[in-house]
Amino acid sequence: QQMGFNERTEARMDRLESHVSGLNAGQT
């Protein structure tokens, strides 16, 4: 269960990181 949770968390963090990167690019 924890492995699945960690995978979902990592995927969510990846999406968040991608979103933040997009925001930074937009701000630039």
PDB file of all heavy atoms in Angstrom:
ATOM      1  N   GLN A   1       0.829  -1.210   0.000  1.00  0.00           N
ATOM      2  CA  GLN A   1       0.000   0.000   0.000  1.00  0.00           C
ATOM      3  C   GLN A   1       0.864   1.260   0.000  1.00  0.00           C
ATOM      4  O   GLN A   1       0.588   2.219  -0.732  1.00  0.00           O
ATOM      5  CB  GLN A   1      -0.921  -0.013   1.209  1.00  0.00           C
ATOM      6  CG  GLN A   1      -1.859   1.189   1.277  1.00  0.00           C
ATOM      7  CD  GLN A   1      -2.712   1.161   2.533  1.00  0.00           C
ATOM      8  OE1 GLN A   1      -2.460   0.370   3.440  1.00  0.00           O
ATOM      9  NE2 GLN A   1      -3.719   2.015   2.581  1.00  0.00           N
ATOM     10  N   GLN A   2       1.934   1.257   0.831  1.00  0.00           N
ATOM     11  CA  GLN A   2       2.813   2.417   0.897  1.00  0.00           C
ATOM     12  C   GLN A   2       3.546   2.643  -0.409  1.00  0.00           C
ATOM     13  O   GLN A   2       3.754   3.781  -0.837  1.00  0.00           O
ATOM     14  CB  GLN A   2       3.823   2.244   2.052  1.00  0.00           C
ATOM     15  CG  GLN A   2       3.205   2.386   3.435  1.00  0.00           C
ATOM     16  CD  GLN A   2       2.552   3.739   3.611  1.00  0.00           C
ATOM     17  OE1 GLN A   2       3.163   4.770   3.375  1.00  0.00           O
ATOM     18  NE2 GLN A   2       1.282   3.740   4.025  1.00  0.00           N
ATOM     19  N   MET A   3       3.935   1.549  -1.042  1.00  0.00           N
ATOM     20  CA  MET A   3       4.601   1.695  -2.337  1.00  0.00           C
ATOM     21  C   MET A   3       3.678   2.360  -3.346  1.00  0.00           C
ATOM     22  O   MET A   3       4.080   3.244  -4.094  1.00  0.00           O
ATOM     23  CB  MET A   3       5.058   0.326  -2.837  1.00  0.00           C
ATOM     24  CG  MET A   3       6.221  -0.271  -2.033  1.00  0.00           C
ATOM     25  SD  MET A   3       6.684  -1.925  -2.612  1.00  0.00           S
ATOM     26  CE  MET A   3       7.187  -1.566  -4.285  1.00  0.00           C
ATOM     27  N   GLY A   4       2.416   1.919  -3.336  1.00  0.00           N
ATOM     28  CA  GLY A   4       1.460   2.551  -4.237  1.00  0.00           C
ATOM     29  C   GLY A   4       1.234   4.007  -3.892  1.00  0.00           C
ATOM     30  O   GLY A   4       1.145   4.868  -4.778  1.00  0.00           O
ATOM     31  N   PHE A   5       1.153   4.300  -2.575  1.00  0.00           N
ATOM     32  CA  PHE A   5       0.984   5.692  -2.134  1.00  0.00           C
ATOM     33  C   PHE A   5       2.157   6.544  -2.564  1.00  0.00           C
ATOM     34  O   PHE A   5       1.998   7.686  -3.043  1.00  0.00           O
ATOM     35  CB  PHE A   5       0.825   5.721  -0.613  1.00  0.00           C
ATOM     36  CG  PHE A   5       0.774   7.084  -0.037  1.00  0.00           C
ATOM     37  CD1 PHE A   5      -0.361   7.866  -0.118  1.00  0.00           C
ATOM     38  CD2 PHE A   5       1.905   7.636   0.581  1.00  0.00           C
ATOM     39  CE1 PHE A   5      -0.389   9.149   0.396  1.00  0.00           C
ATOM     40  CE2 PHE A   5       1.875   8.909   1.100  1.00  0.00           C
ATOM     41  CZ  PHE A   5       0.738   9.667   1.011  1.00  0.00           C
ATOM     42  N   ASN A   6       3.381   5.975  -2.368  1.00  0.00           N
ATOM     43  CA  ASN A   6       4.584   6.729  -2.748  1.00  0.00           C
ATOM     44  C   ASN A   6       4.618   6.989  -4.246  1.00  0.00           C
ATOM     45  O   ASN A   6       5.017   8.065  -4.694  1.00  0.00           O
ATOM     46  CB  ASN A   6       5.836   5.968  -2.317  1.00  0.00           C
ATOM     47  CG  ASN A   6       6.018   5.970  -0.811  1.00  0.00           C
ATOM     48  OD1 ASN A   6       5.464   6.821  -0.109  1.00  0.00           O
ATOM     49  ND2 ASN A   6       6.784   5.020  -0.288  1.00  0.00           N
ATOM     50  N   GLU A   7       4.210   5.977  -5.007  1.00  0.00           N
ATOM     51  CA  GLU A   7       4.193   6.170  -6.463  1.00  0.00           C
ATOM     52  C   GLU A   7       3.216   7.265  -6.858  1.00  0.00           C
ATOM     53  O   GLU A   7       3.503   8.103  -7.710  1.00  0.00           O
ATOM     54  CB  GLU A   7       3.834   4.849  -7.146  1.00  0.00           C
ATOM     55  CG  GLU A   7       4.947   3.802  -7.062  1.00  0.00           C
ATOM     56  CD  GLU A   7       4.513   2.482  -7.664  1.00  0.00           C
ATOM     57  OE1 GLU A   7       3.324   2.391  -8.078  1.00  0.00           O
ATOM     58  OE2 GLU A   7       5.338   1.558  -7.723  1.00  0.00           O
ATOM     59  N   ARG A   8       2.018   7.241  -6.218  1.00  0.00           N
ATOM     60  CA  ARG A   8       1.035   8.289  -6.519  1.00  0.00           C
ATOM     61  C   ARG A   8       1.539   9.660  -6.082  1.00  0.00           C
ATOM     62  O   ARG A   8       1.345  10.664  -6.770  1.00  0.00           O
ATOM     63  CB  ARG A   8      -0.297   7.964  -5.834  1.00  0.00           C
ATOM     64  CG  ARG A   8      -1.015   6.760  -6.432  1.00  0.00           C
ATOM     65  CD  ARG A   8      -2.455   6.690  -5.927  1.00  0.00           C
ATOM     66  NE  ARG A   8      -2.540   6.561  -4.489  1.00  0.00           N
ATOM     67  CZ  ARG A   8      -2.493   5.399  -3.837  1.00  0.00           C
ATOM     68  NH1 ARG A   8      -2.351   4.258  -4.513  1.00  0.00           N
ATOM     69  NH2 ARG A   8      -2.597   5.351  -2.518  1.00  0.00           N
ATOM     70  N   THR A   9       2.206   9.693  -4.900  1.00  0.00           N
ATOM     71  CA  THR A   9       2.750  10.963  -4.409  1.00  0.00           C
ATOM     72  C   THR A   9       3.825  11.495  -5.342  1.00  0.00           C
ATOM     73  O   THR A   9       3.861  12.687  -5.670  1.00  0.00           O
ATOM     74  CB  THR A   9       3.333  10.780  -2.999  1.00  0.00           C
ATOM     75  OG1 THR A   9       2.295  10.310  -2.125  1.00  0.00           O
ATOM     76  CG2 THR A   9       3.889  12.094  -2.474  1.00  0.00           C
ATOM     77  N   GLU A  10       4.722  10.596  -5.779  1.00  0.00           N
ATOM     78  CA  GLU A  10       5.785  11.014  -6.694  1.00  0.00           C
ATOM     79  C   GLU A  10       5.200  11.514  -8.010  1.00  0.00           C
ATOM     80  O   GLU A  10       5.668  12.512  -8.575  1.00  0.00           O
ATOM     81  CB  GLU A  10       6.735   9.850  -6.939  1.00  0.00           C
ATOM     82  CG  GLU A  10       7.612   9.508  -5.725  1.00  0.00           C
ATOM     83  CD  GLU A  10       8.488   8.304  -5.989  1.00  0.00           C
ATOM     84  OE1 GLU A  10       8.402   7.757  -7.107  1.00  0.00           O
ATOM     85  OE2 GLU A  10       9.240   7.917  -5.072  1.00  0.00           O
ATOM     86  N   ALA A  11       4.166  10.815  -8.489  1.00  0.00           N
ATOM     87  CA  ALA A  11       3.529  11.267  -9.736  1.00  0.00           C
ATOM     88  C   ALA A  11       2.904  12.640  -9.548  1.00  0.00           C
ATOM     89  O   ALA A  11       2.988  13.520 -10.423  1.00  0.00           O
ATOM     90  CB  ALA A  11       2.477  10.249 -10.177  1.00  0.00           C
ATOM     91  N   ARG A  12       2.250  12.828  -8.373  1.00  0.00           N
ATOM     92  CA  ARG A  12       1.634  14.115  -8.091  1.00  0.00           C
ATOM     93  C   ARG A  12       2.697  15.210  -7.984  1.00  0.00           C
ATOM     94  O   ARG A  12       2.512  16.326  -8.476  1.00  0.00           O
ATOM     95  CB  ARG A  12       0.829  14.033  -6.799  1.00  0.00           C
ATOM     96  CG  ARG A  12      -0.040  15.261  -6.536  1.00  0.00           C
ATOM     97  CD  ARG A  12      -0.885  15.080  -5.297  1.00  0.00           C
ATOM     98  NE  ARG A  12      -1.858  13.999  -5.440  1.00  0.00           N
ATOM     99  CZ  ARG A  12      -1.804  12.870  -4.745  1.00  0.00           C
ATOM    100  NH1 ARG A  12      -0.839  12.671  -3.869  1.00  0.00           N
ATOM    101  NH2 ARG A  12      -2.717  11.938  -4.919  1.00  0.00           N
ATOM    102  N   MET A  13       3.834  14.889  -7.327  1.00  0.00           N
ATOM    103  CA  MET A  13       4.924  15.857  -7.198  1.00  0.00           C
ATOM    104  C   MET A  13       5.511  16.188  -8.572  1.00  0.00           C
ATOM    105  O   MET A  13       5.863  17.336  -8.839  1.00  0.00           O
ATOM    106  CB  MET A  13       6.004  15.303  -6.277  1.00  0.00           C
ATOM    107  CG  MET A  13       5.601  15.233  -4.805  1.00  0.00           C
ATOM    108  SD  MET A  13       5.218  16.868  -4.123  1.00  0.00           S
ATOM    109  CE  MET A  13       6.830  17.645  -4.218  1.00  0.00           C
ATOM    110  N   ASP A  14       5.604  15.149  -9.429  1.00  0.00           N
ATOM    111  CA  ASP A  14       6.114  15.408 -10.780  1.00  0.00           C
ATOM    112  C   ASP A  14       5.200  16.365 -11.524  1.00  0.00           C
ATOM    113  O   ASP A  14       5.662  17.280 -12.219  1.00  0.00           O
ATOM    114  CB  ASP A  14       6.252  14.096 -11.555  1.00  0.00           C
ATOM    115  CG  ASP A  14       7.395  13.233 -11.047  1.00  0.00           C
ATOM    116  OD1 ASP A  14       8.279  13.789 -10.361  1.00  0.00           O
ATOM    117  OD2 ASP A  14       7.403  12.024 -11.329  1.00  0.00           O
ATOM    118  N   ARG A  15       3.858  16.132 -11.385  1.00  0.00           N
ATOM    119  CA  ARG A  15       2.914  17.025 -12.051  1.00  0.00           C
ATOM    120  C   ARG A  15       3.011  18.435 -11.489  1.00  0.00           C
ATOM    121  O   ARG A  15       2.963  19.427 -12.226  1.00  0.00           O
ATOM    122  CB  ARG A  15       1.491  16.489 -11.903  1.00  0.00           C
ATOM    123  CG  ARG A  15       1.214  15.222 -12.703  1.00  0.00           C
ATOM    124  CD  ARG A  15      -0.278  14.959 -12.804  1.00  0.00           C
ATOM    125  NE  ARG A  15      -0.887  14.763 -11.505  1.00  0.00           N
ATOM    126  CZ  ARG A  15      -0.989  13.586 -10.899  1.00  0.00           C
ATOM    127  NH1 ARG A  15      -0.495  12.491 -11.470  1.00  0.00           N
ATOM    128  NH2 ARG A  15      -1.584  13.477  -9.716  1.00  0.00           N
ATOM    129  N   LEU A  16       3.170  18.523 -10.148  1.00  0.00           N
ATOM    130  CA  LEU A  16       3.294  19.830  -9.513  1.00  0.00           C
ATOM    131  C   LEU A  16       4.571  20.539  -9.966  1.00  0.00           C
ATOM    132  O   LEU A  16       4.562  21.737 -10.260  1.00  0.00           O
ATOM    133  CB  LEU A  16       3.298  19.666  -7.991  1.00  0.00           C
ATOM    134  CG  LEU A  16       3.449  20.950  -7.159  1.00  0.00           C
ATOM    135  CD1 LEU A  16       2.295  21.916  -7.447  1.00  0.00           C
ATOM    136  CD2 LEU A  16       3.510  20.626  -5.671  1.00  0.00           C
ATOM    137  N   GLU A  17       5.656  19.759 -10.039  1.00  0.00           N
ATOM    138  CA  GLU A  17       6.927  20.335 -10.485  1.00  0.00           C
ATOM    139  C   GLU A  17       6.816  20.846 -11.911  1.00  0.00           C
ATOM    140  O   GLU A  17       7.316  21.930 -12.259  1.00  0.00           O
ATOM    141  CB  GLU A  17       8.003  19.247 -10.409  1.00  0.00           C
ATOM    142  CG  GLU A  17       9.387  19.788 -10.045  1.00  0.00           C
ATOM    143  CD  GLU A  17      10.356  18.654  -9.817  1.00  0.00           C
ATOM    144  OE1 GLU A  17      10.292  18.058  -8.735  1.00  0.00           O
ATOM    145  OE2 GLU A  17      11.149  18.364 -10.729  1.00  0.00           O
ATOM    146  N   SER A  18       6.147  20.065 -12.758  1.00  0.00           N
ATOM    147  CA  SER A  18       5.951  20.474 -14.150  1.00  0.00           C
ATOM    148  C   SER A  18       5.105  21.739 -14.220  1.00  0.00           C
ATOM    149  O   SER A  18       5.380  22.648 -15.020  1.00  0.00           O
ATOM    150  CB  SER A  18       5.286  19.337 -14.920  1.00  0.00           C
ATOM    151  OG  SER A  18       5.000  19.725 -16.239  1.00  0.00           O
ATOM    152  N   HIS A  19       4.082  21.798 -13.356  1.00  0.00           N
ATOM    153  CA  HIS A  19       3.216  22.988 -13.328  1.00  0.00           C
ATOM    154  C   HIS A  19       4.001  24.216 -12.883  1.00  0.00           C
ATOM    155  O   HIS A  19       3.890  25.294 -13.495  1.00  0.00           O
ATOM    156  CB  HIS A  19       2.052  22.732 -12.377  1.00  0.00           C
ATOM    157  CG  HIS A  19       1.089  23.880 -12.291  1.00  0.00           C
ATOM    158  ND1 HIS A  19       0.342  24.317 -13.370  1.00  0.00           N
ATOM    159  CD2 HIS A  19       0.751  24.694 -11.251  1.00  0.00           C
ATOM    160  CE1 HIS A  19      -0.406  25.338 -13.007  1.00  0.00           C
ATOM    161  NE2 HIS A  19      -0.180  25.592 -11.726  1.00  0.00           N
ATOM    162  N   VAL A  20       4.820  24.052 -11.827  1.00  0.00           N
ATOM    163  CA  VAL A  20       5.631  25.175 -11.343  1.00  0.00           C
ATOM    164  C   VAL A  20       6.621  25.608 -12.405  1.00  0.00           C
ATOM    165  O   VAL A  20       6.847  26.807 -12.630  1.00  0.00           O
ATOM    166  CB  VAL A  20       6.366  24.784 -10.042  1.00  0.00           C
ATOM    167  CG1 VAL A  20       7.385  25.844  -9.660  1.00  0.00           C
ATOM    168  CG2 VAL A  20       5.366  24.584  -8.910  1.00  0.00           C
ATOM    169  N   SER A  21       7.226  24.634 -13.086  1.00  0.00           N
ATOM    170  CA  SER A  21       8.158  24.965 -14.161  1.00  0.00           C
ATOM    171  C   SER A  21       7.469  25.763 -15.257  1.00  0.00           C
ATOM    172  O   SER A  21       8.019  26.728 -15.792  1.00  0.00           O
ATOM    173  CB  SER A  21       8.756  23.678 -14.732  1.00  0.00           C
ATOM    174  OG  SER A  21       9.624  23.956 -15.802  1.00  0.00           O
ATOM    175  N   GLY A  22       6.219  25.349 -15.573  1.00  0.00           N
ATOM    176  CA  GLY A  22       5.457  26.104 -16.569  1.00  0.00           C
ATOM    177  C   GLY A  22       5.159  27.517 -16.116  1.00  0.00           C
ATOM    178  O   GLY A  22       5.225  28.462 -16.906  1.00  0.00           O
ATOM    179  N   LEU A  23       4.827  27.658 -14.819  1.00  0.00           N
ATOM    180  CA  LEU A  23       4.560  28.997 -14.283  1.00  0.00           C
ATOM    181  C   LEU A  23       5.812  29.862 -14.350  1.00  0.00           C
ATOM    182  O   LEU A  23       5.748  31.045 -14.701  1.00  0.00           O
ATOM    183  CB  LEU A  23       4.078  28.886 -12.833  1.00  0.00           C
ATOM    184  CG  LEU A  23       2.660  28.333 -12.624  1.00  0.00           C
ATOM    185  CD1 LEU A  23       2.378  28.206 -11.134  1.00  0.00           C
ATOM    186  CD2 LEU A  23       1.621  29.242 -13.278  1.00  0.00           C
ATOM    187  N   ASN A  24       6.969  29.267 -13.998  1.00  0.00           N
ATOM    188  CA  ASN A  24       8.222  30.028 -14.045  1.00  0.00           C
ATOM    189  C   ASN A  24       8.541  30.462 -15.467  1.00  0.00           C
ATOM    190  O   ASN A  24       8.992  31.586 -15.702  1.00  0.00           O
ATOM    191  CB  ASN A  24       9.368  29.186 -13.483  1.00  0.00           C
ATOM    192  CG  ASN A  24       9.266  29.002 -11.984  1.00  0.00           C
ATOM    193  OD1 ASN A  24       8.633  29.805 -11.296  1.00  0.00           O
ATOM    194  ND2 ASN A  24       9.872  27.962 -11.451  1.00  0.00           N
ATOM    195  N   ALA A  25       8.318  29.539 -16.409  1.00  0.00           N
ATOM    196  CA  ALA A  25       8.564  29.890 -17.818  1.00  0.00           C
ATOM    197  C   ALA A  25       7.638  31.016 -18.257  1.00  0.00           C
ATOM    198  O   ALA A  25       8.041  31.945 -18.966  1.00  0.00           O
ATOM    199  CB  ALA A  25       8.378  28.657 -18.699  1.00  0.00           C
ATOM    200  N   GLY A  26       6.364  30.923 -17.801  1.00  0.00           N
ATOM    201  CA  GLY A  26       5.417  31.989 -18.142  1.00  0.00           C
ATOM    202  C   GLY A  26       5.819  33.315 -17.538  1.00  0.00           C
ATOM    203  O   GLY A  26       5.722  34.366 -18.184  1.00  0.00           O
ATOM    204  N   GLN A  27       6.289  33.274 -16.285  1.00  0.00           N
ATOM    205  CA  GLN A  27       6.727  34.503 -15.628  1.00  0.00           C
ATOM    206  C   GLN A  27       7.930  35.096 -16.345  1.00  0.00           C
ATOM    207  O   GLN A  27       8.031  36.317 -16.514  1.00  0.00           O
ATOM    208  CB  GLN A  27       7.079  34.222 -14.169  1.00  0.00           C
ATOM    209  CG  GLN A  27       7.515  35.473 -13.396  1.00  0.00           C
ATOM    210  CD  GLN A  27       7.822  35.165 -11.950  1.00  0.00           C
ATOM    211  OE1 GLN A  27       7.677  34.041 -11.495  1.00  0.00           O
ATOM    212  NE2 GLN A  27       8.278  36.170 -11.221  1.00  0.00           N
ATOM    213  N   THR A  28       8.850  34.219 -16.780  1.00  0.00           N
ATOM    214  CA  THR A  28      10.028  34.699 -17.515  1.00  0.00           C
ATOM    215  C   THR A  28       9.611  35.388 -18.805  1.00  0.00           C
ATOM    216  O   THR A  28      10.151  36.440 -19.165  1.00  0.00           O
ATOM    217  CB  THR A  28      10.962  33.518 -17.823  1.00  0.00           C
ATOM    218  OG1 THR A  28      11.392  32.917 -16.589  1.00  0.00           O
ATOM    219  CG2 THR A  28      12.194  33.998 -18.589  1.00  0.00           C
TER     220      THR A  28
END
